Amino acid sequence: MQIFINTYGTYVHVKDDMFQIKKREDKGLPVKVNHIAAHKITSFVMSKGSALSTDAIALALKHNIDIVVVENDGHPIGRFWYSKLGSTTKIRKEQLKASLGETAVGWIKEWLTQKLENQADFLNDLKKHRKKEHDFLDKKINGILSFKEKIGGAKAEKMPAISDSFRGWEGSSGRHYFEALSHFMPDAFRFKGRSFRPAQDEFNAILNYAYGILYSRTERALMLAGLDPFVGFMHRDDYNSKSLVYDFIEPYRIHAERFVFRLFTGKKINKAYFLDFTGGFSLNEEGKAFFVSSYLEYLDSDKIRYKGRLQTRMNAMQLEAHRFANSLIA
């Protein structure tokens, strides 16, 4: 299981070779204590304002349990990770070589093409119960598919020659896509395109949080496959930027988008889940508690068809990370 620590003042330490989690309750109430065996945990995700002991870190590393520290909006800051790679360093050497040539162009075309296909498929799904909106949705779908064709037909031997075009086509497709999603939001939650940190509306606040969780899971999948999350192909190699995470995640953003969209259109979201502060919105503790457990079940328990077999969404991502890594040393 993945343990989320969102409550301010929560403390994780070790007792009797088990993790002990102490959670502060309201004044006058006793401290809530939980004990969890290490073999039952795959990772901790800890918001700022919580704490853990060095004994807890050591026990986590001993059992290869990932510890991720995140901002209040779910964006990962850093992680504790077992010091051994767990795979051959040849993968990372070949990854660096690939980033400089035609191999990178091929993989980016595959990932972005899949991303845009996912967007178009989602909008086609929305047509099934919205007959009066077919013309509107067809226009958006055709716009997305036109950019998919441009990406698929692009010719370049090296990423620097084509990366700006890829990013431009991807961004233009995204405008069609999010305009369509906003169109079907309840009136109180319609939004004006994507906004990041801070989010300018409730939809983007939850979507950013969902992406944050997905970033962490993507980084883990890449590292388990022996890849370097900082050596990307399309996204810029800015200081301390995990550019391969941003490249590889593109086909998997659809998981966050479908899940969050259905929460809103299913009228399961209310204004009480958000903090409205100067400059934007974020999820509050109640909102995070509502969102996280069902989202993790969607990622880790619900099954999809992958290469003819049923897999969880995150297992499918892990298998794709290994496929990518193995292709580099084939």
C-alpha atoms as a PDB file:
ATOM      1  CA  MET A   1       0.000   0.000   0.000  1.00  0.00           C
ATOM      2  CA  GLN A   2       0.960   3.641  -0.409  1.00  0.00           C
ATOM      3  CA  ILE A   3       0.665   5.757   2.752  1.00  0.00           C
ATOM      4  CA  PHE A   4      -0.204   9.445   2.422  1.00  0.00           C
ATOM      5  CA  ILE A   5       0.669  11.700   5.358  1.00  0.00           C
ATOM      6  CA  ASN A   6      -1.275  14.934   4.838  1.00  0.00           C
ATOM      7  CA  THR A   7      -2.120  16.071   8.372  1.00  0.00           C
ATOM      8  CA  TYR A   8       0.085  18.718   9.958  1.00  0.00           C
ATOM      9  CA  GLY A   9       2.017  17.411  12.962  1.00  0.00           C
ATOM     10  CA  THR A  10       1.821  13.716  12.038  1.00  0.00           C
ATOM     11  CA  TYR A  11       4.943  11.835  13.152  1.00  0.00           C
ATOM     12  CA  VAL A  12       6.292   8.573  11.691  1.00  0.00           C
ATOM     13  CA  HIS A  13       8.839   6.546  13.669  1.00  0.00           C
ATOM     14  CA  VAL A  14       9.644   2.914  14.510  1.00  0.00           C
ATOM     15  CA  LYS A  15       8.485   0.718  17.365  1.00  0.00           C
ATOM     16  CA  ASP A  16       9.037  -3.045  17.588  1.00  0.00           C
ATOM     17  CA  ASP A  17      10.376  -3.056  14.012  1.00  0.00           C
ATOM     18  CA  MET A  18       7.090  -1.609  12.724  1.00  0.00           C
ATOM     19  CA  PHE A  19       6.195   1.850  11.544  1.00  0.00           C
ATOM     20  CA  GLN A  20       4.268   3.797  14.158  1.00  0.00           C
ATOM     21  CA  ILE A  21       2.239   6.731  12.860  1.00  0.00           C
ATOM     22  CA  LYS A  22       1.080   9.280  15.406  1.00  0.00           C
ATOM     23  CA  LYS A  23      -1.564  11.713  14.248  1.00  0.00           C
ATOM     24  CA  ARG A  24      -2.549  14.786  16.221  1.00  0.00           C
ATOM     25  CA  GLU A  25      -6.245  15.187  16.860  1.00  0.00           C
ATOM     26  CA  ASP A  26      -8.110  18.272  18.030  1.00  0.00           C
ATOM     27  CA  LYS A  27      -7.220  19.705  21.406  1.00  0.00           C
ATOM     28  CA  GLY A  28      -8.473  17.605  24.275  1.00  0.00           C
ATOM     29  CA  LEU A  29      -8.603  14.410  22.229  1.00  0.00           C
ATOM     30  CA  PRO A  30      -6.025  11.592  22.507  1.00  0.00           C
ATOM     31  CA  VAL A  31      -3.283  11.159  19.914  1.00  0.00           C
ATOM     32  CA  LYS A  32      -4.274   8.620  17.242  1.00  0.00           C
ATOM     33  CA  VAL A  33      -1.648   5.876  16.779  1.00  0.00           C
ATOM     34  CA  ASN A  34      -1.386   3.291  13.978  1.00  0.00           C
ATOM     35  CA  HIS A  35       1.142   0.468  13.589  1.00  0.00           C
ATOM     36  CA  ILE A  36       1.940  -0.921  10.135  1.00  0.00           C
ATOM     37  CA  ALA A  37       4.365  -3.700   9.198  1.00  0.00           C
ATOM     38  CA  ALA A  38       7.050  -2.694   6.695  1.00  0.00           C
ATOM     39  CA  HIS A  39       6.254  -5.499   4.226  1.00  0.00           C
ATOM     40  CA  LYS A  40       2.769  -4.036   3.685  1.00  0.00           C
ATOM     41  CA  ILE A  41       4.040  -0.646   2.461  1.00  0.00           C
ATOM     42  CA  THR A  42       5.397   0.316  -0.954  1.00  0.00           C
ATOM     43  CA  SER A  43       5.861   4.029  -0.305  1.00  0.00           C
ATOM     44  CA  PHE A  44       5.220   7.009   1.970  1.00  0.00           C
ATOM     45  CA  VAL A  45       4.090  10.331   0.535  1.00  0.00           C
ATOM     46  CA  MET A  46       4.583  13.063   3.124  1.00  0.00           C
ATOM     47  CA  SER A  47       3.384  16.657   2.978  1.00  0.00           C
ATOM     48  CA  LYS A  48       5.331  19.485   4.568  1.00  0.00           C
ATOM     49  CA  GLY A  49       4.521  19.876   8.246  1.00  0.00           C
ATOM     50  CA  SER A  50       4.771  16.147   8.984  1.00  0.00           C
ATOM     51  CA  ALA A  51       7.874  14.468  10.422  1.00  0.00           C
ATOM     52  CA  LEU A  52       9.701  11.157  10.409  1.00  0.00           C
ATOM     53  CA  SER A  53      12.610   9.769  12.385  1.00  0.00           C
ATOM     54  CA  THR A  54      15.927   8.510  11.018  1.00  0.00           C
ATOM     55  CA  ASP A  55      14.924   5.075  12.313  1.00  0.00           C
ATOM     56  CA  ALA A  56      11.856   5.237  10.055  1.00  0.00           C
ATOM     57  CA  ILE A  57      14.014   6.267   7.106  1.00  0.00           C
ATOM     58  CA  ALA A  58      16.426   3.393   7.778  1.00  0.00           C
ATOM     59  CA  LEU A  59      13.607   0.841   8.039  1.00  0.00           C
ATOM     60  CA  ALA A  60      12.095   2.140   4.795  1.00  0.00           C
ATOM     61  CA  LEU A  61      15.423   1.880   2.967  1.00  0.00           C
ATOM     62  CA  LYS A  62      15.984  -1.632   4.332  1.00  0.00           C
ATOM     63  CA  HIS A  63      12.681  -2.721   2.777  1.00  0.00           C
ATOM     64  CA  ASN A  64      13.101  -0.642  -0.404  1.00  0.00           C
ATOM     65  CA  ILE A  65      10.159   1.595   0.582  1.00  0.00           C
ATOM     66  CA  ASP A  66      10.091   4.867  -1.287  1.00  0.00           C
ATOM     67  CA  ILE A  67       9.673   8.062   0.783  1.00  0.00           C
ATOM     68  CA  VAL A  68       8.470  11.079  -1.207  1.00  0.00           C
ATOM     69  CA  VAL A  69       8.207  14.596   0.238  1.00  0.00           C
ATOM     70  CA  VAL A  70       5.624  16.769  -1.516  1.00  0.00           C
ATOM     71  CA  GLU A  71       4.421  20.353  -1.538  1.00  0.00           C
ATOM     72  CA  ASN A  72       0.918  21.025  -0.250  1.00  0.00           C
ATOM     73  CA  ASP A  73      -0.318  20.915  -3.857  1.00  0.00           C
ATOM     74  CA  GLY A  74       1.045  17.378  -4.290  1.00  0.00           C
ATOM     75  CA  HIS A  75       4.086  18.350  -6.371  1.00  0.00           C
ATOM     76  CA  PRO A  76       7.079  16.188  -5.341  1.00  0.00           C
ATOM     77  CA  ILE A  77      10.057  18.020  -3.793  1.00  0.00           C
ATOM     78  CA  GLY A  78      12.380  15.076  -3.263  1.00  0.00           C
ATOM     79  CA  ARG A  79      12.632  11.504  -2.072  1.00  0.00           C
ATOM     80  CA  PHE A  80      14.655   9.057  -0.018  1.00  0.00           C
ATOM     81  CA  TRP A  81      15.810   6.192  -2.224  1.00  0.00           C
ATOM     82  CA  TYR A  82      17.879   3.057  -1.687  1.00  0.00           C
ATOM     83  CA  SER A  83      21.487   3.853  -2.623  1.00  0.00           C
ATOM     84  CA  LYS A  84      22.017   0.916  -5.015  1.00  0.00           C
ATOM     85  CA  LEU A  85      20.797   1.252  -8.610  1.00  0.00           C
ATOM     86  CA  GLY A  86      19.260  -2.223  -8.867  1.00  0.00           C
ATOM     87  CA  SER A  87      20.125  -2.406 -12.587  1.00  0.00           C
ATOM     88  CA  THR A  88      23.017  -2.081 -14.994  1.00  0.00           C
ATOM     89  CA  THR A  89      24.600   1.348 -15.465  1.00  0.00           C
ATOM     90  CA  LYS A  90      24.745   0.541 -19.182  1.00  0.00           C
ATOM     91  CA  ILE A  91      21.102   1.632 -19.411  1.00  0.00           C
ATOM     92  CA  ARG A  92      21.955   5.138 -18.227  1.00  0.00           C
ATOM     93  CA  LYS A  93      24.940   5.379 -20.549  1.00  0.00           C
ATOM     94  CA  GLU A  94      22.811   4.385 -23.535  1.00  0.00           C
ATOM     95  CA  GLN A  95      20.043   6.739 -22.392  1.00  0.00           C
ATOM     96  CA  LEU A  96      22.453   9.668 -22.554  1.00  0.00           C
ATOM     97  CA  LYS A  97      23.631   8.635 -26.026  1.00  0.00           C
ATOM     98  CA  ALA A  98      20.032   8.242 -27.213  1.00  0.00           C
ATOM     99  CA  SER A  99      19.095  11.708 -26.002  1.00  0.00           C
ATOM    100  CA  LEU A 100      21.445  13.235 -28.569  1.00  0.00           C
ATOM    101  CA  GLY A 101      20.175  11.479 -31.686  1.00  0.00           C
ATOM    102  CA  GLU A 102      17.346  10.056 -33.764  1.00  0.00           C
ATOM    103  CA  THR A 103      16.308   7.540 -31.098  1.00  0.00           C
ATOM    104  CA  ALA A 104      15.039  10.398 -28.926  1.00  0.00           C
ATOM    105  CA  VAL A 105      12.925  11.750 -31.789  1.00  0.00           C
ATOM    106  CA  GLY A 106      11.327   8.331 -32.276  1.00  0.00           C
ATOM    107  CA  TRP A 107      10.391   7.897 -28.632  1.00  0.00           C
ATOM    108  CA  ILE A 108       8.990  11.431 -28.304  1.00  0.00           C
ATOM    109  CA  LYS A 109       6.866  10.877 -31.406  1.00  0.00           C
ATOM    110  CA  GLU A 110       5.526   7.653 -29.870  1.00  0.00           C
ATOM    111  CA  TRP A 111       4.751   9.202 -26.466  1.00  0.00           C
ATOM    112  CA  LEU A 112       3.130  12.366 -27.847  1.00  0.00           C
ATOM    113  CA  THR A 113       1.162  10.466 -30.498  1.00  0.00           C
ATOM    114  CA  GLN A 114      -0.235   8.220 -27.776  1.00  0.00           C
ATOM    115  CA  LYS A 115      -1.060  11.231 -25.621  1.00  0.00           C
ATOM    116  CA  LEU A 116      -3.059  12.896 -28.395  1.00  0.00           C
ATOM    117  CA  GLU A 117      -4.793   9.624 -29.278  1.00  0.00           C
ATOM    118  CA  ASN A 118      -5.822   9.347 -25.629  1.00  0.00           C
ATOM    119  CA  GLN A 119      -7.252  12.879 -25.734  1.00  0.00           C
ATOM    120  CA  ALA A 120      -9.226  12.162 -28.902  1.00  0.00           C
ATOM    121  CA  ASP A 121     -10.492   8.830 -27.515  1.00  0.00           C
ATOM    122  CA  PHE A 122     -11.705  10.530 -24.351  1.00  0.00           C
ATOM    123  CA  LEU A 123     -13.637  13.151 -26.324  1.00  0.00           C
ATOM    124  CA  ASN A 124     -15.095  10.387 -28.497  1.00  0.00           C
ATOM    125  CA  ASP A 125     -16.289   8.690 -25.307  1.00  0.00           C
ATOM    126  CA  LEU A 126     -18.021  11.930 -24.300  1.00  0.00           C
ATOM    127  CA  LYS A 127     -19.971  11.863 -27.576  1.00  0.00           C
ATOM    128  CA  LYS A 128     -21.758   8.642 -26.602  1.00  0.00           C
ATOM    129  CA  HIS A 129     -24.199  10.358 -24.241  1.00  0.00           C
ATOM    130  CA  ARG A 130     -24.110  13.888 -25.673  1.00  0.00           C
ATOM    131  CA  LYS A 131     -25.751  13.693 -29.112  1.00  0.00           C
ATOM    132  CA  LYS A 132     -26.429  17.425 -29.246  1.00  0.00           C
ATOM    133  CA  GLU A 133     -22.731  18.147 -28.805  1.00  0.00           C
ATOM    134  CA  HIS A 134     -21.387  15.980 -31.647  1.00  0.00           C
ATOM    135  CA  ASP A 135     -20.496  18.901 -33.939  1.00  0.00           C
ATOM    136  CA  PHE A 136     -18.648  20.721 -31.153  1.00  0.00           C
ATOM    137  CA  LEU A 137     -16.753  17.602 -30.107  1.00  0.00           C
ATOM    138  CA  ASP A 138     -15.945  16.577 -33.686  1.00  0.00           C
ATOM    139  CA  LYS A 139     -14.347  19.971 -34.248  1.00  0.00           C
ATOM    140  CA  LYS A 140     -12.170  19.549 -31.149  1.00  0.00           C
ATOM    141  CA  ILE A 141     -11.297  15.933 -31.997  1.00  0.00           C
ATOM    142  CA  ASN A 142     -10.319  16.834 -35.565  1.00  0.00           C
ATOM    143  CA  GLY A 143      -8.145  19.644 -34.245  1.00  0.00           C
ATOM    144  CA  ILE A 144      -6.328  17.231 -31.914  1.00  0.00           C
ATOM    145  CA  LEU A 145      -5.881  14.621 -34.649  1.00  0.00           C
ATOM    146  CA  SER A 146      -4.450  17.218 -37.045  1.00  0.00           C
ATOM    147  CA  PHE A 147      -1.657  17.916 -34.556  1.00  0.00           C
ATOM    148  CA  LYS A 148      -1.188  14.181 -34.014  1.00  0.00           C
ATOM    149  CA  GLU A 149      -0.525  13.836 -37.754  1.00  0.00           C
ATOM    150  CA  LYS A 150       2.014  16.659 -37.651  1.00  0.00           C
ATOM    151  CA  ILE A 151       3.852  14.985 -34.790  1.00  0.00           C
ATOM    152  CA  GLY A 152       3.782  11.567 -36.439  1.00  0.00           C
ATOM    153  CA  GLY A 153       5.037  12.943 -39.759  1.00  0.00           C
ATOM    154  CA  ALA A 154       7.834  15.093 -38.327  1.00  0.00           C
ATOM    155  CA  LYS A 155      11.312  14.330 -39.668  1.00  0.00           C
ATOM    156  CA  ALA A 156      14.459  15.207 -37.754  1.00  0.00           C
ATOM    157  CA  GLU A 157      17.683  13.463 -36.799  1.00  0.00           C
ATOM    158  CA  LYS A 158      18.126  15.297 -33.497  1.00  0.00           C
ATOM    159  CA  MET A 159      15.739  16.642 -30.869  1.00  0.00           C
ATOM    160  CA  PRO A 160      17.000  20.257 -30.761  1.00  0.00           C
ATOM    161  CA  ALA A 161      15.894  20.712 -34.364  1.00  0.00           C
ATOM    162  CA  ILE A 162      12.303  19.660 -33.706  1.00  0.00           C
ATOM    163  CA  SER A 163      11.631  19.996 -29.951  1.00  0.00           C
ATOM    164  CA  ASP A 164      10.080  23.483 -30.194  1.00  0.00           C
ATOM    165  CA  SER A 165       7.700  22.240 -32.897  1.00  0.00           C
ATOM    166  CA  PHE A 166       6.729  19.216 -30.802  1.00  0.00           C
ATOM    167  CA  ARG A 167       5.979  21.411 -27.796  1.00  0.00           C
ATOM    168  CA  GLY A 168       3.972  23.835 -29.928  1.00  0.00           C
ATOM    169  CA  TRP A 169       1.824  21.116 -31.514  1.00  0.00           C
ATOM    170  CA  GLU A 170       1.279  19.470 -28.138  1.00  0.00           C
ATOM    171  CA  GLY A 171       0.233  22.782 -26.572  1.00  0.00           C
ATOM    172  CA  SER A 172      -2.166  23.609 -29.412  1.00  0.00           C
ATOM    173  CA  SER A 173      -3.771  20.185 -29.117  1.00  0.00           C
ATOM    174  CA  GLY A 174      -4.119  20.740 -25.372  1.00  0.00           C
ATOM    175  CA  ARG A 175      -6.092  23.951 -25.934  1.00  0.00           C
ATOM    176  CA  HIS A 176      -8.682  22.079 -28.013  1.00  0.00           C
ATOM    177  CA  TYR A 177      -8.830  19.323 -25.430  1.00  0.00           C
ATOM    178  CA  PHE A 178      -9.239  21.429 -22.284  1.00  0.00           C
ATOM    179  CA  GLU A 179     -11.730  23.763 -23.970  1.00  0.00           C
ATOM    180  CA  ALA A 180     -13.862  20.674 -24.573  1.00  0.00           C
ATOM    181  CA  LEU A 181     -13.521  19.439 -20.982  1.00  0.00           C
ATOM    182  CA  SER A 182     -14.414  22.862 -19.589  1.00  0.00           C
ATOM    183  CA  HIS A 183     -17.492  22.990 -21.822  1.00  0.00           C
ATOM    184  CA  PHE A 184     -18.958  20.000 -19.949  1.00  0.00           C
ATOM    185  CA  MET A 185     -18.105  21.121 -16.437  1.00  0.00           C
ATOM    186  CA  PRO A 186     -20.916  22.108 -14.060  1.00  0.00           C
ATOM    187  CA  ASP A 187     -21.402  25.880 -14.382  1.00  0.00           C
ATOM    188  CA  ALA A 188     -19.787  26.572 -11.003  1.00  0.00           C
ATOM    189  CA  PHE A 189     -16.569  24.817 -12.025  1.00  0.00           C
ATOM    190  CA  ARG A 190     -15.933  25.862 -15.624  1.00  0.00           C
ATOM    191  CA  PHE A 191     -12.358  26.984 -16.205  1.00  0.00           C
ATOM    192  CA  LYS A 192     -10.329  28.997 -18.699  1.00  0.00           C
ATOM    193  CA  GLY A 193      -7.654  26.574 -19.852  1.00  0.00           C
ATOM    194  CA  ARG A 194      -4.761  25.061 -17.940  1.00  0.00           C
ATOM    195  CA  SER A 195      -3.203  26.863 -14.993  1.00  0.00           C
ATOM    196  CA  PHE A 196      -0.355  25.508 -12.931  1.00  0.00           C
ATOM    197  CA  ARG A 197       1.137  26.756  -9.680  1.00  0.00           C
ATOM    198  CA  PRO A 198      -0.982  28.277  -8.344  1.00  0.00           C
ATOM    199  CA  ALA A 199      -4.098  26.881  -9.995  1.00  0.00           C
ATOM    200  CA  GLN A 200      -6.599  29.556 -10.974  1.00  0.00           C
ATOM    201  CA  ASP A 201      -9.677  27.381 -10.408  1.00  0.00           C
ATOM    202  CA  GLU A 202     -10.862  24.260  -8.626  1.00  0.00           C
ATOM    203  CA  PHE A 203     -10.549  21.917 -11.613  1.00  0.00           C
ATOM    204  CA  ASN A 204      -6.902  22.787 -12.137  1.00  0.00           C
ATOM    205  CA  ALA A 205      -6.210  22.577  -8.397  1.00  0.00           C
ATOM    206  CA  ILE A 206      -7.300  18.924  -8.300  1.00  0.00           C
ATOM    207  CA  LEU A 207      -5.754  18.103 -11.673  1.00  0.00           C
ATOM    208  CA  ASN A 208      -2.402  19.533 -10.558  1.00  0.00           C
ATOM    209  CA  TYR A 209      -2.596  17.441  -7.386  1.00  0.00           C
ATOM    210  CA  ALA A 210      -3.416  14.327  -9.440  1.00  0.00           C
ATOM    211  CA  TYR A 211      -0.511  15.071 -11.767  1.00  0.00           C
ATOM    212  CA  GLY A 212       1.764  15.531  -8.740  1.00  0.00           C
ATOM    213  CA  ILE A 213       0.996  12.015  -7.544  1.00  0.00           C
ATOM    214  CA  LEU A 214       1.528  10.737 -11.082  1.00  0.00           C
ATOM    215  CA  TYR A 215       4.908  12.520 -11.361  1.00  0.00           C
ATOM    216  CA  SER A 216       6.105  10.687  -8.273  1.00  0.00           C
ATOM    217  CA  ARG A 217       4.885   7.329  -9.584  1.00  0.00           C
ATOM    218  CA  THR A 218       6.468   7.982 -12.985  1.00  0.00           C
ATOM    219  CA  GLU A 219       9.836   8.818 -11.434  1.00  0.00           C
ATOM    220  CA  ARG A 220       9.695   5.621  -9.397  1.00  0.00           C
ATOM    221  CA  ALA A 221       8.861   3.523 -12.480  1.00  0.00           C
ATOM    222  CA  LEU A 222      11.791   5.006 -14.404  1.00  0.00           C
ATOM    223  CA  MET A 223      14.246   4.479 -11.549  1.00  0.00           C
ATOM    224  CA  LEU A 224      13.131   0.871 -11.041  1.00  0.00           C
ATOM    225  CA  ALA A 225      13.774   0.329 -14.751  1.00  0.00           C
ATOM    226  CA  GLY A 226      17.323   1.649 -14.327  1.00  0.00           C
ATOM    227  CA  LEU A 227      16.755   4.991 -16.057  1.00  0.00           C
ATOM    228  CA  ASP A 228      17.917   8.463 -15.041  1.00  0.00           C
ATOM    229  CA  PRO A 229      14.859  10.714 -14.532  1.00  0.00           C
ATOM    230  CA  PHE A 230      16.984  13.822 -15.175  1.00  0.00           C
ATOM    231  CA  VAL A 231      18.172  12.864 -18.700  1.00  0.00           C
ATOM    232  CA  GLY A 232      15.218  13.608 -20.953  1.00  0.00           C
ATOM    233  CA  PHE A 233      14.685  13.953 -24.677  1.00  0.00           C
ATOM    234  CA  MET A 234      12.210  16.769 -25.373  1.00  0.00           C
ATOM    235  CA  HIS A 235      11.794  18.758 -22.184  1.00  0.00           C
ATOM    236  CA  ARG A 236      14.621  21.159 -21.509  1.00  0.00           C
ATOM    237  CA  ASP A 237      17.574  20.183 -19.341  1.00  0.00           C
ATOM    238  CA  ASP A 238      17.015  23.020 -16.891  1.00  0.00           C
ATOM    239  CA  TYR A 239      18.740  23.005 -13.519  1.00  0.00           C
ATOM    240  CA  ASN A 240      17.433  20.177 -11.332  1.00  0.00           C
ATOM    241  CA  SER A 241      14.669  19.350 -13.844  1.00  0.00           C
ATOM    242  CA  LYS A 242      13.492  15.736 -14.110  1.00  0.00           C
ATOM    243  CA  SER A 243      13.026  16.071 -17.835  1.00  0.00           C
ATOM    244  CA  LEU A 244      12.617  12.340 -18.580  1.00  0.00           C
ATOM    245  CA  VAL A 245       9.731  12.224 -16.077  1.00  0.00           C
ATOM    246  CA  TYR A 246       8.005  15.018 -18.022  1.00  0.00           C
ATOM    247  CA  ASP A 247       8.654  13.208 -21.326  1.00  0.00           C
ATOM    248  CA  PHE A 248       7.600   9.737 -20.229  1.00  0.00           C
ATOM    249  CA  ILE A 249       4.479  10.818 -18.324  1.00  0.00           C
ATOM    250  CA  GLU A 250       2.745  12.253 -21.400  1.00  0.00           C
ATOM    251  CA  PRO A 251       0.703   9.139 -22.394  1.00  0.00           C
ATOM    252  CA  TYR A 252      -0.306   8.610 -18.745  1.00  0.00           C
ATOM    253  CA  ARG A 253      -1.724  12.050 -17.995  1.00  0.00           C
ATOM    254  CA  ILE A 254      -5.030  10.728 -19.322  1.00  0.00           C
ATOM    255  CA  HIS A 255      -5.462   8.689 -16.116  1.00  0.00           C
ATOM    256  CA  ALA A 256      -5.527  11.859 -14.009  1.00  0.00           C
ATOM    257  CA  GLU A 257      -7.692  13.747 -16.519  1.00  0.00           C
ATOM    258  CA  ARG A 258     -10.391  11.102 -16.857  1.00  0.00           C
ATOM    259  CA  PHE A 259     -10.584  10.544 -13.111  1.00  0.00           C
ATOM    260  CA  VAL A 260     -10.764  14.235 -12.174  1.00  0.00           C
ATOM    261  CA  PHE A 261     -13.252  15.077 -14.948  1.00  0.00           C
ATOM    262  CA  ARG A 262     -15.625  12.364 -13.770  1.00  0.00           C
ATOM    263  CA  LEU A 263     -15.505  13.609 -10.196  1.00  0.00           C
ATOM    264  CA  PHE A 264     -16.727  17.007 -11.355  1.00  0.00           C
ATOM    265  CA  THR A 265     -19.321  15.842 -13.865  1.00  0.00           C
ATOM    266  CA  GLY A 266     -20.533  13.241 -11.352  1.00  0.00           C
ATOM    267  CA  LYS A 267     -21.133  16.126  -8.932  1.00  0.00           C
ATOM    268  CA  LYS A 268     -18.873  14.634  -6.266  1.00  0.00           C
ATOM    269  CA  ILE A 269     -16.862  17.822  -5.775  1.00  0.00           C
ATOM    270  CA  ASN A 270     -17.939  20.745  -3.640  1.00  0.00           C
ATOM    271  CA  LYS A 271     -16.439  24.103  -2.771  1.00  0.00           C
ATOM    272  CA  ALA A 272     -15.676  22.979   0.786  1.00  0.00           C
ATOM    273  CA  TYR A 273     -12.730  20.912  -0.516  1.00  0.00           C
ATOM    274  CA  PHE A 274     -10.668  23.978  -1.479  1.00  0.00           C
ATOM    275  CA  LEU A 275      -8.620  26.787  -0.042  1.00  0.00           C
ATOM    276  CA  ASP A 276      -9.251  30.011  -1.925  1.00  0.00           C
ATOM    277  CA  PHE A 277      -6.217  32.230  -1.382  1.00  0.00           C
ATOM    278  CA  THR A 278      -4.855  35.337  -3.056  1.00  0.00           C
ATOM    279  CA  GLY A 279      -3.733  34.231  -6.500  1.00  0.00           C
ATOM    280  CA  GLY A 280      -5.325  30.799  -6.695  1.00  0.00           C
ATOM    281  CA  PHE A 281      -6.855  27.628  -5.296  1.00  0.00           C
ATOM    282  CA  SER A 282      -5.558  24.492  -3.617  1.00  0.00           C
ATOM    283  CA  LEU A 283      -7.041  21.376  -2.029  1.00  0.00           C
ATOM    284  CA  ASN A 284      -7.497  21.523   1.744  1.00  0.00           C
ATOM    285  CA  GLU A 285      -7.114  18.557   4.103  1.00  0.00           C
ATOM    286  CA  GLU A 286     -10.729  17.498   3.639  1.00  0.00           C
ATOM    287  CA  GLY A 287     -10.336  17.641  -0.122  1.00  0.00           C
ATOM    288  CA  LYS A 288      -7.114  15.624  -0.093  1.00  0.00           C
ATOM    289  CA  ALA A 289      -8.654  12.992   2.182  1.00  0.00           C
ATOM    290  CA  PHE A 290     -11.631  12.701  -0.181  1.00  0.00           C
ATOM    291  CA  PHE A 291      -9.479  12.510  -3.309  1.00  0.00           C
ATOM    292  CA  VAL A 292      -6.422  10.410  -2.515  1.00  0.00           C
ATOM    293  CA  SER A 293      -7.838   7.014  -1.542  1.00  0.00           C
ATOM    294  CA  SER A 294     -10.174   6.705  -4.529  1.00  0.00           C
ATOM    295  CA  TYR A 295      -7.517   7.999  -6.948  1.00  0.00           C
ATOM    296  CA  LEU A 296      -4.952   5.489  -5.696  1.00  0.00           C
ATOM    297  CA  GLU A 297      -7.478   2.682  -6.064  1.00  0.00           C
ATOM    298  CA  TYR A 298      -8.058   3.829  -9.649  1.00  0.00           C
ATOM    299  CA  LEU A 299      -4.302   3.766 -10.356  1.00  0.00           C
ATOM    300  CA  ASP A 300      -3.308   0.662  -8.392  1.00  0.00           C
ATOM    301  CA  SER A 301      -6.336  -1.639  -8.300  1.00  0.00           C
ATOM    302  CA  ASP A 302      -8.613  -1.025 -11.294  1.00  0.00           C
ATOM    303  CA  LYS A 303      -7.538  -3.019 -14.359  1.00  0.00           C
ATOM    304  CA  ILE A 304      -7.065  -1.985 -17.987  1.00  0.00           C
ATOM    305  CA  ARG A 305      -6.102  -4.094 -21.005  1.00  0.00           C
ATOM    306  CA  TYR A 306      -2.402  -3.851 -21.781  1.00  0.00           C
ATOM    307  CA  LYS A 307      -0.902  -5.933 -24.604  1.00  0.00           C
ATOM    308  CA  GLY A 308      -3.717  -8.468 -24.371  1.00  0.00           C
ATOM    309  CA  ARG A 309      -3.629  -8.847 -20.577  1.00  0.00           C
ATOM    310  CA  LEU A 310      -5.367  -7.113 -17.696  1.00  0.00           C
ATOM    311  CA  GLN A 311      -2.996  -4.914 -15.690  1.00  0.00           C
ATOM    312  CA  THR A 312      -3.398  -2.066 -13.233  1.00  0.00           C
ATOM    313  CA  ARG A 313      -2.601   1.328 -14.722  1.00  0.00           C
ATOM    314  CA  MET A 314       0.620   1.608 -12.732  1.00  0.00           C
ATOM    315  CA  ASN A 315       1.755  -1.924 -13.603  1.00  0.00           C
ATOM    316  CA  ALA A 316       1.266  -1.065 -17.262  1.00  0.00           C
ATOM    317  CA  MET A 317       3.394   2.064 -16.785  1.00  0.00           C
ATOM    318  CA  GLN A 318       6.129   0.023 -15.085  1.00  0.00           C
ATOM    319  CA  LEU A 319       6.164  -2.519 -17.914  1.00  0.00           C
ATOM    320  CA  GLU A 320       6.473   0.304 -20.446  1.00  0.00           C
ATOM    321  CA  ALA A 321       9.381   1.799 -18.491  1.00  0.00           C
ATOM    322  CA  HIS A 322      11.169  -1.550 -18.675  1.00  0.00           C
ATOM    323  CA  ARG A 323      10.376  -1.861 -22.384  1.00  0.00           C
ATOM    324  CA  PHE A 324      11.878   1.573 -22.988  1.00  0.00           C
ATOM    325  CA  ALA A 325      14.974   0.804 -20.895  1.00  0.00           C
ATOM    326  CA  ASN A 326      15.523  -2.554 -22.571  1.00  0.00           C
ATOM    327  CA  SER A 327      15.242  -0.991 -26.029  1.00  0.00           C
ATOM    328  CA  LEU A 328      18.212   1.230 -25.227  1.00  0.00           C
ATOM    329  CA  ILE A 329      20.545  -1.720 -24.624  1.00  0.00           C
ATOM    330  CA  ALA A 330      19.113  -4.129 -27.208  1.00  0.00           C
END
